[in-house]
Every structure is written in C-alpha cells, then in structure tokens.
Amino acid sequence: MKEEIPEIFWELVKARFERMPPNLRLVIGGVGSLKKEEILNHIEKKDEIGELLGRMEIEYLKLIKEEVESYEEALNNIARP
C-alpha cells in the first residue's frame, strides 16, 4: 500500500509545475505527451497521473536533501584539522 501524499507536498508539486515554462511538455510512458495545463489538471485532481507526478517530485526532493547532506558532511570534514 502506498503512503498518502501530505497536502503540503501537493501544494509544493503544483507550485513547482506552475513556475515551469508555458510550453512545457512531459512524456510519460503509457500515457503520452502532457502539456503544462494537463499536468496541472492531473495534480489538482490527484488522480493516478497526478499521484505519479507527486511521487516523482517527492523523490526529487529526497535526492536534493541527500545531496545537501553530502556537501555538508564534506565541508565539515574539510573544516576539521
């Protein structure tokens, strides 16, 4: 069973896609090409495609967090004599 996406993440996902260029197109295997407006509609509906997009964004944010932690650790190691 998949964990439910908290509302704050839905807001973040929507905000990230709203800030993308108006000519944005996203291709999803088995779905096809989606325009920005279609992407935002799926996110708003929180349907199967919206859920996929939400989970992709959460994974992206996790990767960024890991990257930041890695840089922090590296900087801390450099700072130690």
N, C-alpha and C. Protein backbone atom coordinates (compact mmCIF):
# COMPACT_ATOMS: atom_id res chain seq x y z
N MET A 1 0.84 -1.20 0.00
CA MET A 1 0.00 0.00 0.00
C MET A 1 0.88 1.25 0.00
N LYS A 2 0.55 2.18 -0.87
CA LYS A 2 1.33 3.41 -0.97
C LYS A 2 0.94 4.37 0.15
N GLU A 3 1.95 5.08 0.62
CA GLU A 3 1.71 6.09 1.64
C GLU A 3 1.05 7.31 0.99
N GLU A 4 0.06 7.86 1.68
CA GLU A 4 -0.65 9.03 1.14
C GLU A 4 0.28 10.24 1.11
N ILE A 5 0.16 11.02 0.06
CA ILE A 5 0.98 12.23 -0.08
C ILE A 5 0.34 13.35 0.75
N PRO A 6 1.10 13.92 1.69
CA PRO A 6 0.55 15.01 2.51
C PRO A 6 0.18 16.23 1.65
N GLU A 7 -0.81 16.96 2.08
CA GLU A 7 -1.31 18.13 1.35
C GLU A 7 -0.22 19.15 1.06
N ILE A 8 0.69 19.36 2.01
CA ILE A 8 1.76 20.35 1.81
C ILE A 8 2.63 19.97 0.60
N PHE A 9 2.80 18.67 0.34
CA PHE A 9 3.57 18.26 -0.83
C PHE A 9 2.80 18.52 -2.11
N TRP A 10 1.47 18.32 -2.07
CA TRP A 10 0.66 18.62 -3.26
C TRP A 10 0.81 20.10 -3.62
N GLU A 11 0.80 20.95 -2.61
CA GLU A 11 0.95 22.39 -2.86
C GLU A 11 2.32 22.69 -3.47
N LEU A 12 3.34 22.02 -2.97
CA LEU A 12 4.69 22.22 -3.48
C LEU A 12 4.81 21.73 -4.93
N VAL A 13 4.26 20.55 -5.20
CA VAL A 13 4.30 19.99 -6.56
C VAL A 13 3.59 20.94 -7.53
N LYS A 14 2.42 21.39 -7.15
CA LYS A 14 1.66 22.31 -8.01
C LYS A 14 2.45 23.60 -8.24
N ALA A 15 3.03 24.15 -7.18
CA ALA A 15 3.79 25.40 -7.30
C ALA A 15 5.00 25.23 -8.22
N ARG A 16 5.68 24.09 -8.13
CA ARG A 16 6.85 23.86 -8.99
C ARG A 16 6.44 23.80 -10.47
N PHE A 17 5.35 23.09 -10.76
CA PHE A 17 4.91 23.00 -12.16
C PHE A 17 4.33 24.32 -12.65
N GLU A 18 3.69 25.08 -11.80
CA GLU A 18 3.16 26.39 -12.21
C GLU A 18 4.28 27.33 -12.65
N ARG A 19 5.45 27.18 -12.07
CA ARG A 19 6.57 28.06 -12.38
C ARG A 19 7.37 27.62 -13.61
N MET A 20 7.02 26.47 -14.16
CA MET A 20 7.73 25.99 -15.34
C MET A 20 7.22 26.72 -16.59
N PRO A 21 8.01 26.70 -17.66
CA PRO A 21 7.63 27.42 -18.88
C PRO A 21 6.27 26.98 -19.42
N PRO A 22 5.55 27.90 -20.05
CA PRO A 22 4.21 27.58 -20.57
C PRO A 22 4.23 26.53 -21.67
N ASN A 23 5.35 26.36 -22.34
CA ASN A 23 5.44 25.39 -23.43
C ASN A 23 5.93 24.01 -22.93
N LEU A 24 5.91 23.81 -21.63
CA LEU A 24 6.36 22.55 -21.03
C LEU A 24 5.56 21.37 -21.59
N ARG A 25 6.27 20.31 -21.90
CA ARG A 25 5.65 19.04 -22.30
C ARG A 25 6.38 17.96 -21.52
N LEU A 26 5.61 17.03 -21.01
CA LEU A 26 6.17 15.92 -20.26
C LEU A 26 5.65 14.63 -20.89
N VAL A 27 6.55 13.71 -21.19
CA VAL A 27 6.15 12.45 -21.80
C VAL A 27 6.23 11.36 -20.74
N ILE A 28 5.12 10.66 -20.55
CA ILE A 28 5.05 9.56 -19.60
C ILE A 28 4.69 8.31 -20.38
N GLY A 29 5.52 7.28 -20.23
CA GLY A 29 5.28 6.02 -20.93
C GLY A 29 3.89 5.47 -20.62
N GLY A 30 3.18 5.08 -21.64
CA GLY A 30 1.85 4.53 -21.47
C GLY A 30 0.76 5.58 -21.39
N VAL A 31 1.16 6.84 -21.24
CA VAL A 31 0.20 7.95 -21.13
C VAL A 31 0.32 8.85 -22.35
N GLY A 32 1.55 9.18 -22.71
CA GLY A 32 1.79 10.06 -23.84
C GLY A 32 2.33 11.40 -23.39
N SER A 33 2.20 12.38 -24.25
CA SER A 33 2.72 13.72 -24.01
C SER A 33 1.66 14.58 -23.32
N LEU A 34 2.07 15.24 -22.24
CA LEU A 34 1.16 16.12 -21.49
C LEU A 34 1.64 17.56 -21.56
N LYS A 35 0.72 18.47 -21.82
CA LYS A 35 1.02 19.89 -21.78
C LYS A 35 0.97 20.36 -20.33
N LYS A 36 1.53 21.52 -20.08
CA LYS A 36 1.57 22.07 -18.72
C LYS A 36 0.16 22.11 -18.11
N GLU A 37 -0.81 22.58 -18.85
CA GLU A 37 -2.19 22.68 -18.35
C GLU A 37 -2.73 21.30 -17.95
N GLU A 38 -2.43 20.30 -18.76
CA GLU A 38 -2.88 18.93 -18.45
C GLU A 38 -2.19 18.41 -17.19
N ILE A 39 -0.91 18.70 -17.06
CA ILE A 39 -0.16 18.29 -15.87
C ILE A 39 -0.79 18.89 -14.62
N LEU A 40 -1.05 20.19 -14.67
CA LEU A 40 -1.65 20.87 -13.52
C LEU A 40 -3.04 20.31 -13.20
N ASN A 41 -3.80 19.96 -14.23
CA ASN A 41 -5.13 19.36 -14.01
C ASN A 41 -5.01 18.03 -13.28
N HIS A 42 -4.06 17.21 -13.68
CA HIS A 42 -3.87 15.91 -13.04
C HIS A 42 -3.42 16.08 -11.58
N ILE A 43 -2.57 17.07 -11.36
CA ILE A 43 -2.12 17.34 -9.99
C ILE A 43 -3.30 17.82 -9.15
N GLU A 44 -4.09 18.69 -9.71
CA GLU A 44 -5.26 19.23 -8.99
C GLU A 44 -6.24 18.11 -8.64
N LYS A 45 -6.46 17.19 -9.58
CA LYS A 45 -7.39 16.07 -9.36
C LYS A 45 -6.82 15.01 -8.43
N LYS A 46 -5.49 14.98 -8.34
CA LYS A 46 -4.79 13.96 -7.56
C LYS A 46 -5.15 12.56 -8.06
N ASP A 47 -5.30 12.46 -9.39
CA ASP A 47 -5.63 11.17 -9.99
C ASP A 47 -4.35 10.34 -10.13
N GLU A 48 -4.44 9.24 -10.87
CA GLU A 48 -3.30 8.33 -11.00
C GLU A 48 -2.07 9.03 -11.57
N ILE A 49 -2.25 9.85 -12.58
CA ILE A 49 -1.12 10.56 -13.18
C ILE A 49 -0.62 11.65 -12.22
N GLY A 50 -1.54 12.35 -11.58
CA GLY A 50 -1.14 13.35 -10.58
C GLY A 50 -0.36 12.72 -9.45
N GLU A 51 -0.80 11.54 -9.03
CA GLU A 51 -0.10 10.80 -7.96
C GLU A 51 1.32 10.45 -8.41
N LEU A 52 1.46 10.00 -9.65
CA LEU A 52 2.77 9.68 -10.19
C LEU A 52 3.67 10.92 -10.19
N LEU A 53 3.14 12.03 -10.64
CA LEU A 53 3.90 13.28 -10.67
C LEU A 53 4.28 13.72 -9.26
N GLY A 54 3.36 13.57 -8.32
CA GLY A 54 3.63 13.92 -6.93
C GLY A 54 4.75 13.07 -6.35
N ARG A 55 4.70 11.78 -6.60
CA ARG A 55 5.74 10.88 -6.09
C ARG A 55 7.10 11.15 -6.75
N MET A 56 7.09 11.51 -8.03
CA MET A 56 8.33 11.87 -8.71
C MET A 56 8.96 13.09 -8.05
N GLU A 57 8.15 14.08 -7.72
CA GLU A 57 8.66 15.29 -7.09
C GLU A 57 9.19 15.01 -5.69
N ILE A 58 8.50 14.15 -4.94
CA ILE A 58 8.98 13.79 -3.61
C ILE A 58 10.35 13.11 -3.70
N GLU A 59 10.50 12.19 -4.66
CA GLU A 59 11.79 11.52 -4.84
C GLU A 59 12.87 12.53 -5.24
N TYR A 60 12.51 13.49 -6.07
CA TYR A 60 13.44 14.54 -6.48
C TYR A 60 13.89 15.35 -5.26
N LEU A 61 12.96 15.70 -4.40
CA LEU A 61 13.30 16.47 -3.20
C LEU A 61 14.17 15.65 -2.24
N LYS A 62 13.92 14.36 -2.15
CA LYS A 62 14.76 13.50 -1.31
C LYS A 62 16.19 13.49 -1.83
N LEU A 63 16.33 13.42 -3.15
CA LEU A 63 17.68 13.44 -3.75
C LEU A 63 18.40 14.75 -3.45
N ILE A 64 17.68 15.85 -3.54
CA ILE A 64 18.29 17.15 -3.22
C ILE A 64 18.73 17.18 -1.76
N LYS A 65 17.89 16.69 -0.87
CA LYS A 65 18.22 16.64 0.57
C LYS A 65 19.48 15.81 0.79
N GLU A 66 19.56 14.64 0.17
CA GLU A 66 20.74 13.80 0.30
C GLU A 66 21.99 14.51 -0.21
N GLU A 67 21.84 15.21 -1.32
CA GLU A 67 22.96 15.94 -1.90
C GLU A 67 23.46 17.04 -0.95
N VAL A 68 22.53 17.78 -0.36
CA VAL A 68 22.88 18.84 0.58
C VAL A 68 23.61 18.24 1.79
N GLU A 69 23.07 17.14 2.31
CA GLU A 69 23.70 16.49 3.46
C GLU A 69 25.10 16.01 3.12
N SER A 70 25.28 15.51 1.90
CA SER A 70 26.59 15.06 1.46
C SER A 70 27.59 16.22 1.40
N TYR A 71 27.15 17.35 0.87
CA TYR A 71 28.01 18.53 0.82
C TYR A 71 28.34 19.04 2.21
N GLU A 72 27.35 19.04 3.09
CA GLU A 72 27.59 19.48 4.46
C GLU A 72 28.62 18.60 5.14
N GLU A 73 28.50 17.30 4.94
CA GLU A 73 29.45 16.36 5.54
C GLU A 73 30.85 16.60 4.99
N ALA A 74 30.95 16.80 3.69
CA ALA A 74 32.24 17.05 3.06
C ALA A 74 32.86 18.34 3.59
N LEU A 75 32.05 19.38 3.72
CA LEU A 75 32.55 20.66 4.24
C LEU A 75 32.99 20.54 5.69
N ASN A 76 32.24 19.79 6.49
CA ASN A 76 32.61 19.58 7.88
C ASN A 76 33.93 18.83 7.99
N ASN A 77 34.15 17.85 7.10
CA ASN A 77 35.40 17.09 7.10
C ASN A 77 36.58 17.95 6.70
N ILE A 78 36.37 18.87 5.78
CA ILE A 78 37.44 19.79 5.36
C ILE A 78 37.78 20.75 6.50
N ALA A 79 36.77 21.20 7.22
CA ALA A 79 36.97 22.19 8.29
C ALA A 79 37.70 21.59 9.49
N ARG A 80 37.64 20.29 9.66
CA ARG A 80 38.32 19.65 10.80
C ARG A 80 39.81 19.49 10.49
N PRO A 81 40.64 19.91 11.43
CA PRO A 81 42.11 19.75 11.20
C PRO A 81 42.57 18.32 11.26
